Amino acid sequence: MFYYTFKQNDTFYNRVEAHPYVQFYINDSKIYYNNNKERAGSFAANEKMIPVGSISLYELNVDRPAGSLIYPFITKDGSRTAFRTVSTNAFNQLQYGQTITGQYPLSASISRDYQAGGTVDVVGTTVNKPLLFALKNTLNYYKHLSGHYEYSSSFLGFDKGRQNMSLISIPSIFYGSSIKKGTVNLKFYITGTLAAECQDLKKNGEMIQTGPTGSTGSGSVAGVVLYNEGFVLLTGSWNVSSHQEDYVLGGSNTTAKWIYFGTTGSYPSHNVPSSSFDMSFQGTNYVPVLTMLAHAPKGQVNYSSNPTYIDYSSRQTSFDPRATSTQYIENSKIAIKNTISSSYADPTGSFRKQTYISKIGIYDKDKNLIGIAKVANPVKKTEDREFTFKLKLDI
């Protein structure tokens, strides 16, 4: 076995920028992620243990029967450590030494909240819109990109605290560092027919209705996107179709508008079977990459510890090394198998050392094996050849 140390110019770091495509389709109270359908069968529920339209955060409890699921646990002690889902009151009622358990798997999916026009107190705080009010400073921060970001604009004549809107939350696991500007696309379907479509054409966060051509509201701003935070706020209140359904829970049928985009629910409390919604975008994900150059110089890496490297007749004879208290001598009469081909079956060609490189091991400073790189096909190494293997590792 040969050991070589990576030199200064043999390792370097770079960063790969990727833009994964993501699509969500919402219909009849169900969310579908990247066109993944529900699987049928007796064991389909145990496959990923997550609802359709979701992604597993840690791939735990995959394909496990219900009675043997793993779970996190904490023992109550003086450190007063507990899971975030355990309230202070519930924690105080537990006895010391009692086990607090959690649940796996953890999953993530988009969520949609309908923000009804609320009341505002004297200091401008939205009383019944805590989710929206939490985004107030963030929205105002981006108002230099577009006035439609502003929480309250006297120039454009709106106050998000009093507007009806659809607030869509996208977990960062779907897009990475940020949503790529200019890639957000929303489509509103009625009975399978496209009623309205909007895109962030200007790449400044404005969701502009682009279709169908000549439709009501075409060219108008239907909402804004928070690229870095993963939120879509839709405030378009014009009718995108004359179709009416129960878009507001507990209310009567209303006409289709952008503020109802992403409505989910189940009959009879919330019945929107004729409406479906499509949301797609690209994320921006940065992957740090370590590149390592492993060299096989001329005249080296031409010996193998593989037993087939030794001639078979030598392996049949005892050529054990001689070891004493002061020395260790290997037998010099062990013959190496000649693998040089010739035009004849016997004899072989003139002897030359050659090996076949199939694996490259990566070791730490203490010579502990920490990684193995395999080549697709073994590479023939002769004494007059030199190779450089380029290894890449995502970190």
Protein backbone atom coordinates (compact mmCIF):
# COMPACT_ATOMS: atom_id res chain seq x y z
CA MET A 1 0.00 0.00 0.00
CA PHE A 2 1.27 3.44 -0.93
CA TYR A 3 0.72 6.57 1.18
CA TYR A 4 0.97 10.05 -0.30
CA THR A 5 0.39 13.40 1.37
CA PHE A 6 -1.78 16.00 -0.34
CA LYS A 7 0.39 18.99 -1.17
CA GLN A 8 -0.65 22.62 -1.07
CA ASN A 9 -1.92 22.68 -4.65
CA ASP A 10 -3.57 19.24 -4.46
CA THR A 11 -6.64 20.36 -2.48
CA PHE A 12 -8.89 23.34 -3.05
CA TYR A 13 -12.40 24.46 -2.19
CA ASN A 14 -15.11 25.88 -4.40
CA ARG A 15 -18.85 26.44 -4.26
CA VAL A 16 -21.46 25.08 -6.68
CA GLU A 17 -24.60 27.14 -7.20
CA ALA A 18 -27.62 24.96 -7.95
CA HIS A 19 -31.18 25.94 -8.80
CA PRO A 20 -33.53 23.05 -7.97
CA TYR A 21 -36.98 23.20 -9.57
CA VAL A 22 -39.93 22.90 -7.19
CA GLN A 23 -43.61 22.53 -7.99
CA PHE A 24 -46.65 22.30 -5.75
CA TYR A 25 -50.11 21.42 -7.00
CA ILE A 26 -53.10 21.91 -4.72
CA ASN A 27 -56.46 20.29 -5.41
CA ASP A 28 -59.34 19.00 -3.31
CA SER A 29 -57.58 19.70 0.03
CA LYS A 30 -54.42 17.82 -0.98
CA ILE A 31 -50.95 19.14 -1.81
CA TYR A 32 -48.76 17.34 -4.35
CA TYR A 33 -44.99 17.97 -4.39
CA ASN A 34 -43.13 17.66 -7.72
CA ASN A 35 -45.96 15.55 -9.17
CA ASN A 36 -45.44 12.78 -6.60
CA LYS A 37 -48.65 10.80 -6.35
CA GLU A 38 -50.11 8.89 -3.45
CA ARG A 39 -48.90 5.30 -3.42
CA ALA A 40 -51.40 2.51 -3.11
CA GLY A 41 -50.86 -0.81 -1.35
CA SER A 42 -50.88 -2.42 2.08
CA PHE A 43 -47.46 -1.06 3.04
CA ALA A 44 -47.55 2.29 1.22
CA ALA A 45 -48.25 4.21 4.45
CA ASN A 46 -44.97 2.96 5.99
CA GLU A 47 -42.77 3.85 3.05
CA LYS A 48 -41.85 7.39 4.14
CA MET A 49 -44.28 7.91 7.01
CA ILE A 50 -45.13 11.44 5.83
CA PRO A 51 -48.25 12.93 4.24
CA VAL A 52 -48.44 13.45 0.49
CA GLY A 53 -47.04 16.83 -0.52
CA SER A 54 -44.43 16.81 2.25
CA ILE A 55 -40.73 16.06 2.48
CA SER A 56 -39.05 14.09 5.25
CA LEU A 57 -36.48 16.19 7.11
CA TYR A 58 -34.21 13.37 8.31
CA GLU A 59 -35.54 10.22 6.58
CA LEU A 60 -36.27 8.60 9.94
CA ASN A 61 -38.72 5.71 10.41
CA VAL A 62 -38.67 4.98 6.70
CA ASP A 63 -40.48 1.72 5.92
CA ARG A 64 -40.92 0.79 9.59
CA PRO A 65 -44.02 -0.92 11.00
CA ALA A 66 -46.15 1.19 13.32
CA GLY A 67 -45.13 -0.76 16.43
CA SER A 68 -41.36 -0.27 16.08
CA LEU A 69 -40.93 3.43 15.38
CA ILE A 70 -37.93 5.24 16.83
CA TYR A 71 -38.54 8.43 18.77
CA PRO A 72 -36.56 11.14 20.61
CA PHE A 73 -36.72 11.30 24.40
CA ILE A 74 -35.49 13.47 27.27
CA THR A 75 -35.46 12.64 30.97
CA LYS A 76 -36.65 15.48 33.20
CA ASP A 77 -33.87 16.61 35.51
CA GLY A 78 -32.52 19.75 37.10
CA SER A 79 -31.47 21.26 33.77
CA ARG A 80 -35.17 21.71 32.88
CA THR A 81 -34.52 20.69 29.29
CA ALA A 82 -37.54 19.73 27.19
CA PHE A 83 -38.84 19.76 23.64
CA ARG A 84 -40.18 23.00 22.24
CA THR A 85 -43.59 21.40 21.82
CA VAL A 86 -43.88 20.88 25.61
CA SER A 87 -45.41 23.88 27.37
CA THR A 88 -44.03 25.20 30.63
CA ASN A 89 -47.21 24.21 32.47
CA ALA A 90 -47.08 20.63 31.13
CA PHE A 91 -43.37 20.41 31.99
CA ASN A 92 -43.96 21.52 35.60
CA GLN A 93 -46.55 18.78 36.11
CA LEU A 94 -44.06 16.05 35.21
CA GLN A 95 -42.10 14.24 37.91
CA TYR A 96 -38.29 14.33 37.98
CA GLY A 97 -36.95 11.24 36.25
CA GLN A 98 -40.00 10.97 34.03
CA THR A 99 -39.33 10.51 30.31
CA ILE A 100 -40.51 13.13 27.81
CA THR A 101 -40.95 11.65 24.34
CA GLY A 102 -41.22 13.19 20.89
CA GLN A 103 -42.23 11.82 17.54
CA TYR A 104 -40.51 10.97 14.25
CA PRO A 105 -40.51 11.51 11.36
CA LEU A 106 -40.45 15.27 11.05
CA SER A 107 -41.83 16.61 7.79
CA ALA A 108 -42.23 19.93 6.03
CA SER A 109 -44.66 21.27 3.45
CA ILE A 110 -46.05 24.60 2.33
CA SER A 111 -48.89 26.16 4.31
CA ARG A 112 -51.51 28.71 3.35
CA ASP A 113 -53.22 31.12 5.73
CA TYR A 114 -56.12 33.34 4.75
CA GLN A 115 -55.66 36.76 6.33
CA ALA A 116 -59.06 38.43 6.56
CA GLY A 117 -59.18 42.22 6.66
CA GLY A 118 -58.61 43.05 10.30
CA THR A 119 -58.84 45.96 12.70
CA VAL A 120 -55.87 48.15 13.56
CA ASP A 121 -55.33 49.83 16.93
CA VAL A 122 -54.10 53.39 17.54
CA VAL A 123 -50.42 52.50 17.19
CA GLY A 124 -50.95 50.69 13.88
CA THR A 125 -50.72 47.14 15.20
CA THR A 126 -52.84 44.57 13.40
CA VAL A 127 -54.99 42.99 16.09
CA ASN A 128 -56.01 39.70 14.50
CA LYS A 129 -53.14 39.18 12.02
CA PRO A 130 -50.12 38.06 14.10
CA LEU A 131 -48.50 36.20 11.18
CA LEU A 132 -48.73 39.21 8.91
CA PHE A 133 -47.67 41.69 11.57
CA ALA A 134 -44.53 39.60 12.19
CA LEU A 135 -43.52 40.37 8.59
CA LYS A 136 -44.12 44.12 8.82
CA ASN A 137 -40.47 45.15 9.26
CA THR A 138 -39.34 42.71 6.58
CA LEU A 139 -41.87 44.06 4.08
CA ASN A 140 -40.87 47.65 4.75
CA TYR A 141 -37.20 46.70 4.37
CA TYR A 142 -37.77 45.75 0.72
CA LYS A 143 -39.89 48.76 -0.23
CA HIS A 144 -36.93 50.26 -2.12
CA LEU A 145 -37.43 47.42 -4.64
CA SER A 146 -41.13 48.08 -5.10
CA GLY A 147 -43.77 50.18 -3.39
CA HIS A 148 -46.00 47.09 -3.26
CA TYR A 149 -43.79 45.71 -0.48
CA GLU A 150 -44.70 48.58 1.83
CA TYR A 151 -46.92 47.55 4.72
CA SER A 152 -49.03 50.68 4.48
CA SER A 153 -48.81 52.95 1.45
CA SER A 154 -50.78 56.17 1.13
CA PHE A 155 -49.38 56.65 -2.38
CA LEU A 156 -50.67 53.30 -3.69
CA GLY A 157 -53.71 53.44 -1.41
CA PHE A 158 -53.52 50.20 0.59
CA ASP A 159 -52.90 48.97 4.11
CA LYS A 160 -51.97 45.29 4.40
CA GLY A 161 -53.34 45.28 7.92
CA ARG A 162 -56.82 45.89 6.49
CA GLN A 163 -56.51 43.90 3.26
CA ASN A 164 -57.77 40.40 2.64
CA MET A 165 -54.88 38.25 1.45
CA SER A 166 -53.54 34.75 0.99
CA LEU A 167 -50.25 34.19 2.86
CA ILE A 168 -48.26 31.20 1.59
CA SER A 169 -45.31 29.98 3.68
CA ILE A 170 -42.53 27.95 2.04
CA PRO A 171 -40.00 26.16 4.31
CA SER A 172 -36.36 26.77 3.37
CA ILE A 173 -35.71 23.05 2.86
CA PHE A 174 -37.45 23.42 -0.52
CA TYR A 175 -35.42 26.34 -1.88
CA GLY A 176 -32.13 26.49 0.06
CA SER A 177 -30.64 29.95 0.55
CA SER A 178 -33.33 31.89 -1.34
CA ILE A 179 -35.94 31.64 -4.07
CA LYS A 180 -34.39 32.50 -7.43
CA LYS A 181 -35.74 35.80 -8.72
CA GLY A 182 -37.82 35.66 -11.87
CA THR A 183 -38.82 32.00 -11.48
CA VAL A 184 -42.00 32.21 -9.37
CA ASN A 185 -45.10 31.17 -11.31
CA LEU A 186 -48.66 30.88 -9.97
CA LYS A 187 -51.58 29.40 -11.90
CA PHE A 188 -55.25 29.47 -10.89
CA TYR A 189 -57.35 26.74 -12.54
CA ILE A 190 -61.14 26.46 -12.65
CA THR A 191 -62.41 22.98 -13.65
CA GLY A 192 -59.03 22.30 -15.24
CA THR A 193 -58.99 25.48 -17.34
CA LEU A 194 -56.43 28.21 -16.69
CA ALA A 195 -58.29 31.19 -15.26
CA ALA A 196 -55.29 33.36 -14.31
CA GLU A 197 -51.51 33.25 -14.14
CA CYS A 198 -48.99 35.58 -12.54
CA GLN A 199 -45.19 35.76 -12.53
CA ASP A 200 -42.43 37.90 -11.04
CA LEU A 201 -41.36 39.18 -14.45
CA LYS A 202 -39.41 42.20 -13.16
CA LYS A 203 -37.44 40.12 -10.62
CA ASN A 204 -38.26 42.73 -7.97
CA GLY A 205 -40.83 40.65 -6.08
CA GLU A 206 -43.97 41.94 -7.84
CA MET A 207 -46.32 39.13 -8.86
CA ILE A 208 -47.82 40.45 -12.11
CA GLN A 209 -50.78 38.77 -13.77
CA THR A 210 -49.59 37.69 -17.22
CA GLY A 211 -52.38 35.50 -18.50
CA PRO A 212 -54.59 34.61 -20.09
CA THR A 213 -53.97 37.44 -22.54
CA GLY A 214 -56.54 40.18 -22.16
CA SER A 215 -58.03 38.72 -18.97
CA THR A 216 -59.38 40.90 -16.19
CA GLY A 217 -56.47 42.17 -14.11
CA SER A 218 -53.88 41.38 -16.77
CA GLY A 219 -50.75 43.46 -16.07
CA SER A 220 -51.82 44.24 -12.49
CA VAL A 221 -49.76 43.37 -9.40
CA ALA A 222 -51.45 40.51 -7.51
CA GLY A 223 -48.95 40.40 -4.61
CA VAL A 224 -45.30 40.19 -3.64
CA VAL A 225 -42.68 37.53 -2.93
CA LEU A 226 -40.17 37.51 -0.09
CA TYR A 227 -37.33 35.67 -1.82
CA ASN A 228 -35.01 35.26 1.16
CA GLU A 229 -37.70 34.51 3.73
CA GLY A 230 -39.90 32.17 1.65
CA PHE A 231 -43.30 33.92 1.70
CA VAL A 232 -45.80 34.81 -1.01
CA LEU A 233 -48.42 37.47 -0.15
CA LEU A 234 -51.34 37.70 -2.61
CA THR A 235 -53.61 40.73 -2.33
CA GLY A 236 -55.21 40.76 -5.80
CA SER A 237 -58.94 41.31 -5.14
CA TRP A 238 -60.30 41.40 -8.70
CA ASN A 239 -62.33 38.55 -10.14
CA VAL A 240 -60.19 36.12 -12.14
CA SER A 241 -63.32 34.17 -13.11
CA SER A 242 -67.06 34.33 -12.66
CA HIS A 243 -66.94 30.92 -10.95
CA GLN A 244 -68.04 30.86 -7.30
CA GLU A 245 -67.14 28.43 -4.52
CA ASP A 246 -66.80 28.37 -0.74
CA TYR A 247 -63.28 29.87 -0.66
CA VAL A 248 -63.74 31.35 2.82
CA LEU A 249 -64.23 28.79 5.57
CA GLY A 250 -67.71 29.03 7.05
CA GLY A 251 -68.79 31.65 4.54
CA SER A 252 -71.01 31.64 1.51
CA ASN A 253 -69.80 31.11 -2.04
CA THR A 254 -67.56 33.89 -3.35
CA THR A 255 -66.07 34.68 -6.73
CA ALA A 256 -62.56 33.39 -7.55
CA LYS A 257 -59.82 35.92 -6.72
CA TRP A 258 -56.07 35.81 -6.12
CA ILE A 259 -56.68 36.27 -2.40
CA TYR A 260 -58.19 32.76 -2.41
CA PHE A 261 -55.20 31.13 -4.12
CA GLY A 262 -54.15 27.90 -2.37
CA THR A 263 -57.47 27.28 -0.59
CA THR A 264 -57.61 23.80 0.90
CA GLY A 265 -60.30 22.08 2.92
CA SER A 266 -62.68 19.17 2.95
CA TYR A 267 -66.38 18.82 2.35
CA PRO A 268 -68.74 19.85 3.86
CA SER A 269 -66.95 22.51 5.94
CA HIS A 270 -64.85 23.77 3.03
CA ASN A 271 -65.79 22.66 -0.44
CA VAL A 272 -63.68 23.83 -3.41
CA PRO A 273 -63.56 20.77 -5.71
CA SER A 274 -63.56 22.76 -8.96
CA SER A 275 -60.57 24.95 -8.13
CA SER A 276 -56.93 23.90 -8.28
CA PHE A 277 -53.71 25.83 -7.84
CA ASP A 278 -50.20 25.41 -9.21
CA MET A 279 -47.10 27.07 -7.75
CA SER A 280 -43.61 26.58 -9.15
CA PHE A 281 -40.23 28.24 -8.63
CA GLN A 282 -36.51 27.56 -8.53
CA GLY A 283 -34.42 27.70 -5.41
CA THR A 284 -30.83 28.86 -4.94
CA ASN A 285 -28.70 26.32 -3.14
CA TYR A 286 -24.95 26.67 -2.54
CA VAL A 287 -22.99 23.42 -2.17
CA PRO A 288 -19.40 23.69 -0.82
CA VAL A 289 -17.14 21.22 -2.66
CA LEU A 290 -13.71 19.91 -1.69
CA THR A 291 -11.58 18.85 -4.69
CA MET A 292 -8.58 16.56 -4.08
CA LEU A 293 -5.94 15.56 -6.63
CA ALA A 294 -4.44 12.11 -5.99
CA HIS A 295 -1.27 11.42 -7.99
CA ALA A 296 0.19 8.10 -9.10
CA PRO A 297 3.76 9.06 -10.23
CA LYS A 298 5.94 7.27 -12.77
CA GLY A 299 7.86 4.33 -11.40
CA GLN A 300 5.61 4.08 -8.33
CA VAL A 301 2.32 2.44 -7.36
CA ASN A 302 3.41 -0.72 -9.17
CA TYR A 303 3.06 -3.20 -6.33
CA SER A 304 -0.11 -4.72 -4.94
CA SER A 305 -0.96 -6.51 -1.71
CA ASN A 306 -3.63 -8.45 -3.58
CA PRO A 307 -2.80 -12.20 -3.41
CA THR A 308 -3.27 -12.49 -7.17
CA TYR A 309 -0.21 -10.24 -7.65
CA ILE A 310 1.98 -13.20 -6.64
CA ASP A 311 2.56 -16.08 -9.06
CA TYR A 312 0.40 -19.06 -8.21
CA SER A 313 3.35 -21.45 -7.95
CA SER A 314 4.97 -19.15 -5.39
CA ARG A 315 1.82 -19.09 -3.34
CA GLN A 316 1.82 -22.89 -3.26
CA THR A 317 5.32 -22.93 -1.71
CA SER A 318 6.09 -21.70 1.75
CA PHE A 319 7.94 -18.39 1.48
CA ASP A 320 7.08 -16.99 4.87
CA PRO A 321 9.11 -14.00 6.06
CA ARG A 322 11.83 -14.61 8.63
CA ALA A 323 11.33 -12.75 11.86
CA THR A 324 13.65 -12.56 14.85
CA SER A 325 13.93 -10.25 17.83
CA THR A 326 16.11 -7.89 15.80
CA GLN A 327 15.00 -8.21 12.16
CA TYR A 328 12.17 -8.93 9.76
CA ILE A 329 13.18 -10.20 6.30
CA GLU A 330 10.79 -11.06 3.53
CA ASN A 331 11.69 -13.83 1.17
CA SER A 332 13.29 -12.44 -1.99
CA LYS A 333 12.42 -15.49 -4.11
CA ILE A 334 8.68 -14.84 -4.32
CA ALA A 335 7.80 -14.47 -7.99
CA ILE A 336 5.44 -11.80 -9.28
CA LYS A 337 2.74 -12.87 -11.72
CA ASN A 338 3.60 -11.71 -15.23
CA THR A 339 0.46 -10.20 -16.79
CA ILE A 340 2.09 -8.78 -19.91
CA SER A 341 0.25 -10.02 -22.96
CA SER A 342 1.89 -11.33 -26.08
CA SER A 343 0.87 -12.67 -29.46
CA TYR A 344 1.07 -16.22 -28.13
CA ALA A 345 -0.74 -18.00 -25.31
CA ASP A 346 2.57 -19.28 -23.94
CA PRO A 347 5.07 -17.88 -23.25
CA THR A 348 3.98 -14.44 -22.06
CA GLY A 349 5.62 -11.17 -23.00
CA SER A 350 8.74 -9.72 -21.40
CA PHE A 351 8.16 -9.10 -17.70
CA ARG A 352 7.21 -5.59 -16.64
CA LYS A 353 5.57 -4.46 -13.46
CA GLN A 354 1.96 -3.40 -13.83
CA THR A 355 -1.01 -3.05 -11.52
CA TYR A 356 -4.64 -2.07 -11.85
CA ILE A 357 -5.88 0.81 -9.70
CA SER A 358 -9.50 0.26 -8.65
CA LYS A 359 -9.80 2.16 -5.34
CA ILE A 360 -8.27 5.23 -3.72
CA GLY A 361 -8.42 5.56 0.06
CA ILE A 362 -8.47 8.89 1.90
CA TYR A 363 -6.81 8.88 5.34
CA ASP A 364 -6.58 11.39 8.13
CA LYS A 365 -3.31 12.43 9.80
CA ASP A 366 -3.46 9.33 12.04
CA LYS A 367 -3.87 7.06 9.01
CA ASN A 368 -7.48 6.28 9.79
CA LEU A 369 -9.46 5.49 6.64
CA ILE A 370 -12.18 8.14 6.28
CA GLY A 371 -13.23 7.68 2.65
CA ILE A 372 -12.92 5.45 -0.41
CA ALA A 373 -13.16 6.53 -4.05
CA LYS A 374 -13.86 3.84 -6.66
CA VAL A 375 -13.19 4.14 -10.38
CA ALA A 376 -15.73 2.83 -12.88
CA ASN A 377 -13.14 0.56 -14.53
CA PRO A 378 -9.73 -0.45 -13.13
CA VAL A 379 -6.92 1.70 -14.53
CA LYS A 380 -3.78 -0.10 -15.73
CA LYS A 381 -0.66 1.41 -14.15
CA THR A 382 2.75 0.66 -15.62
CA GLU A 383 6.10 2.06 -14.55
CA ASP A 384 6.22 4.54 -17.43
CA ARG A 385 2.72 5.89 -16.81
CA GLU A 386 1.54 8.55 -14.38
CA PHE A 387 -2.03 9.41 -13.45
CA THR A 388 -3.86 12.11 -11.51
CA PHE A 389 -7.25 11.22 -10.06
CA LYS A 390 -9.61 14.11 -9.39
CA LEU A 391 -11.83 13.47 -6.34
CA LYS A 392 -14.75 15.70 -5.37
CA LEU A 393 -16.58 15.71 -2.07
CA ASP A 394 -19.65 17.75 -1.12
CA ILE A 395 -19.16 19.14 2.38
